[in-house]
C-alpha atoms as a PDB file:
ATOM      1  CA  UNK A   1     -69.368  -6.176 -16.548  1.00  0.00           C
ATOM      2  CA  UNK A   2     -71.270  -8.817 -14.661  1.00  0.00           C
ATOM      3  CA  UNK A   3     -69.124 -10.684 -12.322  1.00  0.00           C
ATOM      4  CA  UNK A   4     -67.621 -14.197 -13.298  1.00  0.00           C
ATOM      5  CA  UNK A   5     -66.102 -17.218 -11.416  1.00  0.00           C
ATOM      6  CA  UNK A   6     -61.999 -17.374 -12.274  1.00  0.00           C
ATOM      7  CA  UNK A   7     -60.108 -20.824 -11.810  1.00  0.00           C
ATOM      8  CA  UNK A   8     -58.205 -20.356  -8.020  1.00  0.00           C
ATOM      9  CA  UNK A   9     -55.605 -22.645  -9.356  1.00  0.00           C
ATOM     10  CA  UNK A  10     -53.596 -24.948 -11.715  1.00  0.00           C
ATOM     11  CA  UNK A  11     -55.210 -28.603 -11.855  1.00  0.00           C
ATOM     12  CA  UNK A  12     -54.700 -31.805 -13.934  1.00  0.00           C
ATOM     13  CA  UNK A  13     -57.068 -34.526 -14.427  1.00  0.00           C
ATOM     14  CA  UNK A  14     -56.414 -37.823 -16.784  1.00  0.00           C
ATOM     15  CA  UNK A  15     -58.808 -39.486 -19.043  1.00  0.00           C
ATOM     16  CA  UNK A  16     -58.310 -42.686 -20.913  1.00  0.00           C
ATOM     17  CA  UNK A  17     -60.875 -43.614 -23.786  1.00  0.00           C
ATOM     18  CA  UNK A  18     -59.993 -46.852 -25.705  1.00  0.00           C
ATOM     19  CA  UNK A  19     -56.363 -46.788 -24.848  1.00  0.00           C
ATOM     20  CA  UNK A  20     -55.653 -42.735 -25.704  1.00  0.00           C
ATOM     21  CA  UNK A  21     -54.626 -41.223 -22.531  1.00  0.00           C
ATOM     22  CA  UNK A  22     -56.039 -37.470 -22.216  1.00  0.00           C
ATOM     23  CA  UNK A  23     -54.388 -35.454 -20.100  1.00  0.00           C
ATOM     24  CA  UNK A  24     -56.649 -31.895 -18.775  1.00  0.00           C
ATOM     25  CA  UNK A  25     -54.348 -29.224 -17.776  1.00  0.00           C
ATOM     26  CA  UNK A  26     -56.481 -25.967 -16.888  1.00  0.00           C
ATOM     27  CA  UNK A  27     -54.977 -22.193 -15.445  1.00  0.00           C
ATOM     28  CA  UNK A  28     -56.057 -19.156 -14.729  1.00  0.00           C
ATOM     29  CA  UNK A  29     -54.896 -16.833 -17.131  1.00  0.00           C
ATOM     30  CA  UNK A  30     -55.581 -12.809 -17.506  1.00  0.00           C
ATOM     31  CA  UNK A  31     -54.486 -11.737 -20.842  1.00  0.00           C
ATOM     32  CA  UNK A  32     -54.478 -13.232 -24.809  1.00  0.00           C
ATOM     33  CA  UNK A  33     -50.119 -13.603 -23.997  1.00  0.00           C
ATOM     34  CA  UNK A  34     -50.468 -15.207 -20.503  1.00  0.00           C
ATOM     35  CA  UNK A  35     -52.402 -17.826 -22.257  1.00  0.00           C
ATOM     36  CA  UNK A  36     -50.268 -18.246 -25.146  1.00  0.00           C
ATOM     37  CA  UNK A  37     -47.302 -18.773 -22.473  1.00  0.00           C
ATOM     38  CA  UNK A  38     -49.460 -21.313 -20.353  1.00  0.00           C
ATOM     39  CA  UNK A  39     -50.367 -23.426 -23.825  1.00  0.00           C
ATOM     40  CA  UNK A  40     -46.275 -23.179 -24.891  1.00  0.00           C
ATOM     41  CA  UNK A  41     -45.275 -24.616 -21.513  1.00  0.00           C
ATOM     42  CA  UNK A  42     -47.945 -27.424 -21.645  1.00  0.00           C
ATOM     43  CA  UNK A  43     -46.990 -28.100 -25.029  1.00  0.00           C
ATOM     44  CA  UNK A  44     -42.951 -28.283 -24.077  1.00  0.00           C
ATOM     45  CA  UNK A  45     -43.979 -30.304 -20.709  1.00  0.00           C
ATOM     46  CA  UNK A  46     -45.370 -32.986 -23.359  1.00  0.00           C
ATOM     47  CA  UNK A  47     -43.625 -32.597 -26.598  1.00  0.00           C
ATOM     48  CA  UNK A  48     -43.766 -36.197 -27.017  1.00  0.00           C
ATOM     49  CA  UNK A  49     -47.739 -36.068 -27.438  1.00  0.00           C
ATOM     50  CA  UNK A  50     -49.654 -36.775 -30.090  1.00  0.00           C
ATOM     51  CA  UNK A  51     -51.794 -33.598 -29.713  1.00  0.00           C
ATOM     52  CA  UNK A  52     -51.957 -30.672 -27.158  1.00  0.00           C
ATOM     53  CA  UNK A  53     -55.017 -29.196 -27.839  1.00  0.00           C
ATOM     54  CA  UNK A  54     -55.627 -25.725 -26.324  1.00  0.00           C
ATOM     55  CA  UNK A  55     -58.612 -23.160 -25.693  1.00  0.00           C
ATOM     56  CA  UNK A  56     -59.123 -20.429 -23.541  1.00  0.00           C
ATOM     57  CA  UNK A  57     -61.361 -17.406 -22.508  1.00  0.00           C
ATOM     58  CA  UNK A  58     -60.198 -13.959 -21.103  1.00  0.00           C
ATOM     59  CA  UNK A  59     -62.602 -11.732 -19.298  1.00  0.00           C
ATOM     60  CA  UNK A  60     -66.419 -13.072 -18.790  1.00  0.00           C
ATOM     61  CA  UNK A  61     -69.884 -12.764 -19.464  1.00  0.00           C
ATOM     62  CA  UNK A  62     -70.573 -10.916 -22.872  1.00  0.00           C
ATOM     63  CA  UNK A  63     -67.228  -8.911 -22.935  1.00  0.00           C
ATOM     64  CA  UNK A  64     -64.621 -11.985 -24.437  1.00  0.00           C
ATOM     65  CA  UNK A  65     -61.776 -13.078 -26.110  1.00  0.00           C
ATOM     66  CA  UNK A  66     -61.411 -16.272 -26.711  1.00  0.00           C
ATOM     67  CA  UNK A  67     -59.181 -19.243 -28.774  1.00  0.00           C
ATOM     68  CA  UNK A  68     -59.131 -22.806 -29.506  1.00  0.00           C
ATOM     69  CA  UNK A  69     -56.935 -25.113 -31.786  1.00  0.00           C
ATOM     70  CA  UNK A  70     -57.292 -28.621 -32.925  1.00  0.00           C
ATOM     71  CA  UNK A  71     -53.806 -29.011 -33.030  1.00  0.00           C
ATOM     72  CA  UNK A  72     -53.907 -31.408 -35.698  1.00  0.00           C
ATOM     73  CA  UNK A  73     -57.132 -33.420 -34.920  1.00  0.00           C
ATOM     74  CA  UNK A  74     -60.049 -33.459 -37.423  1.00  0.00           C
ATOM     75  CA  UNK A  75     -61.175 -29.895 -37.449  1.00  0.00           C
ATOM     76  CA  UNK A  76     -64.015 -29.321 -34.886  1.00  0.00           C
ATOM     77  CA  UNK A  77     -63.111 -32.090 -32.978  1.00  0.00           C
ATOM     78  CA  UNK A  78     -61.181 -30.903 -30.289  1.00  0.00           C
ATOM     79  CA  UNK A  79     -60.475 -27.373 -29.831  1.00  0.00           C
ATOM     80  CA  UNK A  80     -64.276 -26.628 -29.908  1.00  0.00           C
ATOM     81  CA  UNK A  81     -65.379 -28.833 -27.643  1.00  0.00           C
ATOM     82  CA  UNK A  82     -62.881 -27.664 -25.049  1.00  0.00           C
ATOM     83  CA  UNK A  83     -64.249 -24.029 -25.954  1.00  0.00           C
ATOM     84  CA  UNK A  84     -67.311 -25.063 -25.577  1.00  0.00           C
ATOM     85  CA  UNK A  85     -67.010 -26.241 -22.126  1.00  0.00           C
ATOM     86  CA  UNK A  86     -65.184 -23.326 -21.082  1.00  0.00           C
ATOM     87  CA  UNK A  87     -68.110 -20.897 -22.329  1.00  0.00           C
ATOM     88  CA  UNK A  88     -70.544 -23.158 -20.757  1.00  0.00           C
ATOM     89  CA  UNK A  89     -69.050 -23.283 -17.176  1.00  0.00           C
ATOM     90  CA  UNK A  90     -69.201 -19.767 -16.051  1.00  0.00           C
ATOM     91  CA  UNK A  91     -65.731 -19.078 -15.785  1.00  0.00           C
ATOM     92  CA  UNK A  92     -63.810 -16.553 -17.234  1.00  0.00           C
ATOM     93  CA  UNK A  93     -60.045 -16.121 -17.477  1.00  0.00           C
ATOM     94  CA  UNK A  94     -59.226 -19.446 -18.115  1.00  0.00           C
ATOM     95  CA  UNK A  95     -57.088 -21.750 -20.541  1.00  0.00           C
ATOM     96  CA  UNK A  96     -56.843 -25.214 -20.859  1.00  0.00           C
ATOM     97  CA  UNK A  97     -55.001 -28.207 -22.858  1.00  0.00           C
ATOM     98  CA  UNK A  98     -56.237 -31.358 -23.345  1.00  0.00           C
ATOM     99  CA  UNK A  99     -52.933 -33.472 -24.357  1.00  0.00           C
ATOM    100  CA  UNK A 100     -53.551 -36.872 -26.069  1.00  0.00           C
ATOM    101  CA  UNK A 101     -51.406 -39.969 -26.270  1.00  0.00           C
ATOM    102  CA  UNK A 102     -52.862 -41.992 -29.370  1.00  0.00           C
ATOM    103  CA  UNK A 103     -53.369 -45.608 -28.344  1.00  0.00           C
ATOM    104  CA  UNK A 104     -53.668 -47.201 -31.504  1.00  0.00           C
ATOM    105  CA  UNK A 105     -57.411 -47.116 -31.885  1.00  0.00           C
ATOM    106  CA  UNK A 106     -59.318 -44.292 -33.788  1.00  0.00           C
ATOM    107  CA  UNK A 107     -62.332 -43.276 -31.870  1.00  0.00           C
ATOM    108  CA  UNK A 108     -63.967 -41.395 -34.942  1.00  0.00           C
ATOM    109  CA  UNK A 109     -65.167 -37.527 -35.034  1.00  0.00           C
ATOM    110  CA  UNK A 110     -68.162 -38.336 -32.472  1.00  0.00           C
ATOM    111  CA  UNK A 111     -65.714 -40.370 -30.426  1.00  0.00           C
ATOM    112  CA  UNK A 112     -63.126 -37.148 -30.235  1.00  0.00           C
ATOM    113  CA  UNK A 113     -65.564 -34.776 -29.791  1.00  0.00           C
ATOM    114  CA  UNK A 114     -66.879 -36.929 -26.556  1.00  0.00           C
ATOM    115  CA  UNK A 115     -63.281 -37.728 -25.464  1.00  0.00           C
ATOM    116  CA  UNK A 116     -62.303 -33.825 -25.699  1.00  0.00           C
ATOM    117  CA  UNK A 117     -65.461 -32.678 -23.902  1.00  0.00           C
ATOM    118  CA  UNK A 118     -65.227 -35.013 -21.054  1.00  0.00           C
ATOM    119  CA  UNK A 119     -61.925 -34.545 -20.597  1.00  0.00           C
ATOM    120  CA  UNK A 120     -61.934 -30.521 -20.186  1.00  0.00           C
ATOM    121  CA  UNK A 121     -65.351 -31.309 -18.252  1.00  0.00           C
ATOM    122  CA  UNK A 122     -63.014 -33.265 -15.278  1.00  0.00           C
ATOM    123  CA  UNK A 123     -60.937 -29.805 -14.652  1.00  0.00           C
ATOM    124  CA  UNK A 124     -63.754 -27.495 -15.045  1.00  0.00           C
ATOM    125  CA  UNK A 125     -65.706 -29.113 -12.691  1.00  0.00           C
ATOM    126  CA  UNK A 126     -62.644 -30.136 -10.315  1.00  0.00           C
ATOM    127  CA  UNK A 127     -61.210 -26.444 -10.110  1.00  0.00           C
ATOM    128  CA  UNK A 128     -61.722 -24.136  -6.988  1.00  0.00           C
ATOM    129  CA  UNK A 129     -63.454 -21.048  -8.050  1.00  0.00           C
ATOM    130  CA  UNK A 130     -62.666 -17.240  -7.186  1.00  0.00           C
ATOM    131  CA  UNK A 131     -64.329 -13.938  -7.881  1.00  0.00           C
ATOM    132  CA  UNK A 132     -62.622 -10.580  -8.136  1.00  0.00           C
ATOM    133  CA  UNK A 133     -62.926  -8.551  -5.307  1.00  0.00           C
ATOM    134  CA  UNK A 134     -61.959  -4.557  -4.804  1.00  0.00           C
ATOM    135  CA  UNK A 135     -59.749  -4.550  -1.720  1.00  0.00           C
ATOM    136  CA  UNK A 136     -58.580  -1.655   0.409  1.00  0.00           C
ATOM    137  CA  UNK A 137     -54.932  -2.104   2.155  1.00  0.00           C
ATOM    138  CA  UNK A 138     -54.733   0.269   5.196  1.00  0.00           C
ATOM    139  CA  UNK A 139     -52.919   0.665   8.318  1.00  0.00           C
ATOM    140  CA  UNK A 140     -54.002   1.805  11.751  1.00  0.00           C
ATOM    141  CA  UNK A 141     -52.359   2.038  15.202  1.00  0.00           C
ATOM    142  CA  UNK A 142     -54.127   0.787  17.870  1.00  0.00           C
ATOM    143  CA  UNK A 143     -53.381   0.431  21.680  1.00  0.00           C
ATOM    144  CA  UNK A 144     -52.365  -3.239  23.177  1.00  0.00           C
ATOM    145  CA  UNK A 145     -55.390  -3.628  24.646  1.00  0.00           C
ATOM    146  CA  UNK A 146     -57.582  -3.206  21.770  1.00  0.00           C
ATOM    147  CA  UNK A 147     -55.686  -5.477  19.351  1.00  0.00           C
ATOM    148  CA  UNK A 148     -57.919  -8.851  19.987  1.00  0.00           C
ATOM    149  CA  UNK A 149     -61.181  -6.578  19.190  1.00  0.00           C
ATOM    150  CA  UNK A 150     -59.799  -5.073  16.484  1.00  0.00           C
ATOM    151  CA  UNK A 151     -58.593  -8.574  15.160  1.00  0.00           C
ATOM    152  CA  UNK A 152     -62.219  -9.621  15.361  1.00  0.00           C
ATOM    153  CA  UNK A 153     -63.384  -6.799  13.385  1.00  0.00           C
ATOM    154  CA  UNK A 154     -61.148  -7.191  10.756  1.00  0.00           C
ATOM    155  CA  UNK A 155     -62.440 -10.852  10.186  1.00  0.00           C
ATOM    156  CA  UNK A 156     -65.669 -10.025  10.770  1.00  0.00           C
ATOM    157  CA  UNK A 157     -65.503  -7.373   7.515  1.00  0.00           C
ATOM    158  CA  UNK A 158     -64.386 -10.141   5.591  1.00  0.00           C
ATOM    159  CA  UNK A 159     -60.821  -8.724   5.992  1.00  0.00           C
ATOM    160  CA  UNK A 160     -57.550 -10.280   6.649  1.00  0.00           C
ATOM    161  CA  UNK A 161     -54.328  -8.801   8.767  1.00  0.00           C
ATOM    162  CA  UNK A 162     -51.500  -8.638   6.690  1.00  0.00           C
ATOM    163  CA  UNK A 163     -48.689  -7.972   9.340  1.00  0.00           C
ATOM    164  CA  UNK A 164     -48.616  -6.118  13.081  1.00  0.00           C
ATOM    165  CA  UNK A 165     -45.541  -3.888  14.093  1.00  0.00           C
ATOM    166  CA  UNK A 166     -45.245  -3.925  17.793  1.00  0.00           C
ATOM    167  CA  UNK A 167     -43.927  -0.798  19.465  1.00  0.00           C
ATOM    168  CA  UNK A 168     -45.191   1.768  21.585  1.00  0.00           C
ATOM    169  CA  UNK A 169     -48.415   1.079  20.177  1.00  0.00           C
ATOM    170  CA  UNK A 170     -49.240  -1.640  17.403  1.00  0.00           C
ATOM    171  CA  UNK A 171     -49.335  -0.776  13.603  1.00  0.00           C
ATOM    172  CA  UNK A 172     -51.567  -3.339  11.992  1.00  0.00           C
ATOM    173  CA  UNK A 173     -51.696  -3.299   8.106  1.00  0.00           C
ATOM    174  CA  UNK A 174     -54.973  -5.138   7.012  1.00  0.00           C
ATOM    175  CA  UNK A 175     -56.511  -5.586   3.756  1.00  0.00           C
ATOM    176  CA  UNK A 176     -60.625  -5.695   3.685  1.00  0.00           C
ATOM    177  CA  UNK A 177     -63.398  -5.283   0.846  1.00  0.00           C
ATOM    178  CA  UNK A 178     -63.856  -1.963  -0.237  1.00  0.00           C
ATOM    179  CA  UNK A 179     -67.871  -2.442  -0.140  1.00  0.00           C
ATOM    180  CA  UNK A 180     -67.124  -3.577   3.661  1.00  0.00           C
ATOM    181  CA  UNK A 181     -64.275  -1.046   4.368  1.00  0.00           C
ATOM    182  CA  UNK A 182     -66.741   1.752   5.479  1.00  0.00           C
ATOM    183  CA  UNK A 183     -68.079  -0.613   8.291  1.00  0.00           C
ATOM    184  CA  UNK A 184     -65.002  -1.491   9.311  1.00  0.00           C
ATOM    185  CA  UNK A 185     -64.253   2.301   9.856  1.00  0.00           C
ATOM    186  CA  UNK A 186     -67.396   2.881  11.674  1.00  0.00           C
ATOM    187  CA  UNK A 187     -66.645   0.398  13.959  1.00  0.00           C
ATOM    188  CA  UNK A 188     -63.232   1.851  14.510  1.00  0.00           C
ATOM    189  CA  UNK A 189     -64.324   5.326  15.548  1.00  0.00           C
ATOM    190  CA  UNK A 190     -67.118   3.600  17.924  1.00  0.00           C
ATOM    191  CA  UNK A 191     -64.494   1.203  19.580  1.00  0.00           C
ATOM    192  CA  UNK A 192     -62.341   4.343  20.188  1.00  0.00           C
ATOM    193  CA  UNK A 193     -64.897   7.121  20.643  1.00  0.00           C
ATOM    194  CA  UNK A 194     -63.470   8.290  17.277  1.00  0.00           C
ATOM    195  CA  UNK A 195     -59.791   8.573  18.058  1.00  0.00           C
ATOM    196  CA  UNK A 196     -58.784   5.757  15.880  1.00  0.00           C
ATOM    197  CA  UNK A 197     -59.361   5.782  12.007  1.00  0.00           C
ATOM    198  CA  UNK A 198     -57.492   3.425   9.020  1.00  0.00           C
ATOM    199  CA  UNK A 199     -55.671   4.935   6.404  1.00  0.00           C
ATOM    200  CA  UNK A 200     -55.648   3.748   3.245  1.00  0.00           C
ATOM    201  CA  UNK A 201     -52.273   2.924   1.647  1.00  0.00           C
ATOM    202  CA  UNK A 202     -53.487   0.907  -1.750  1.00  0.00           C
ATOM    203  CA  UNK A 203     -56.301   0.032  -3.522  1.00  0.00           C
ATOM    204  CA  UNK A 204     -55.798  -3.273  -5.762  1.00  0.00           C
ATOM    205  CA  UNK A 205     -57.713  -6.070  -6.871  1.00  0.00           C
ATOM    206  CA  UNK A 206     -57.610  -9.485  -5.032  1.00  0.00           C
ATOM    207  CA  UNK A 207     -58.997 -13.118  -6.030  1.00  0.00           C
ATOM    208  CA  UNK A 208     -60.890 -14.641  -3.225  1.00  0.00           C
ATOM    209  CA  UNK A 209     -62.619 -18.155  -3.146  1.00  0.00           C
ATOM    210  CA  UNK A 210     -66.065 -18.589  -3.937  1.00  0.00           C
ATOM    211  CA  UNK A 211     -68.205 -20.239  -1.159  1.00  0.00           C
END
């Protein structure tokens, strides 16, 4: 599957159109069940709203599960525009709820499409983006005199120090992208004349910010 961007966090933006207030909330979700729970939570939060229009897309690229709901707005004027924005954004694993408080003036079908499109674009454009990265979590025992150099090696290989246990030696727990882990191991071997090697204790996925 082609890599795709994922929202880093839940965000919210407001948009007023001819006295109607639109509140768009976007969140990362990783299954239809998680998306439905998010939508239910927002609907409960804004239970007094005129409409809570929702859309989500799970997965990315050509392999996706998606959904949209007009939630009482005229068919095709709300959920579909929101979903279209998600599809065109490059994001996957994302859900949005656009809450509307009716302001007393009908917007017409074109006005509704525009309002829901713009509201969804506000959160899509503002959210931080991440990507899935396969990582190895590993431990390594190092002497005190090499601590700072190993810390720099972890950073240089796009890794992160998760913990350090100070005893006779220092046991470092670190996380490093799989794609750069072999390079980190090679540097360890060179630094220690082949005496130090990191032991992988877990492989997992992490979402890291896209630069």
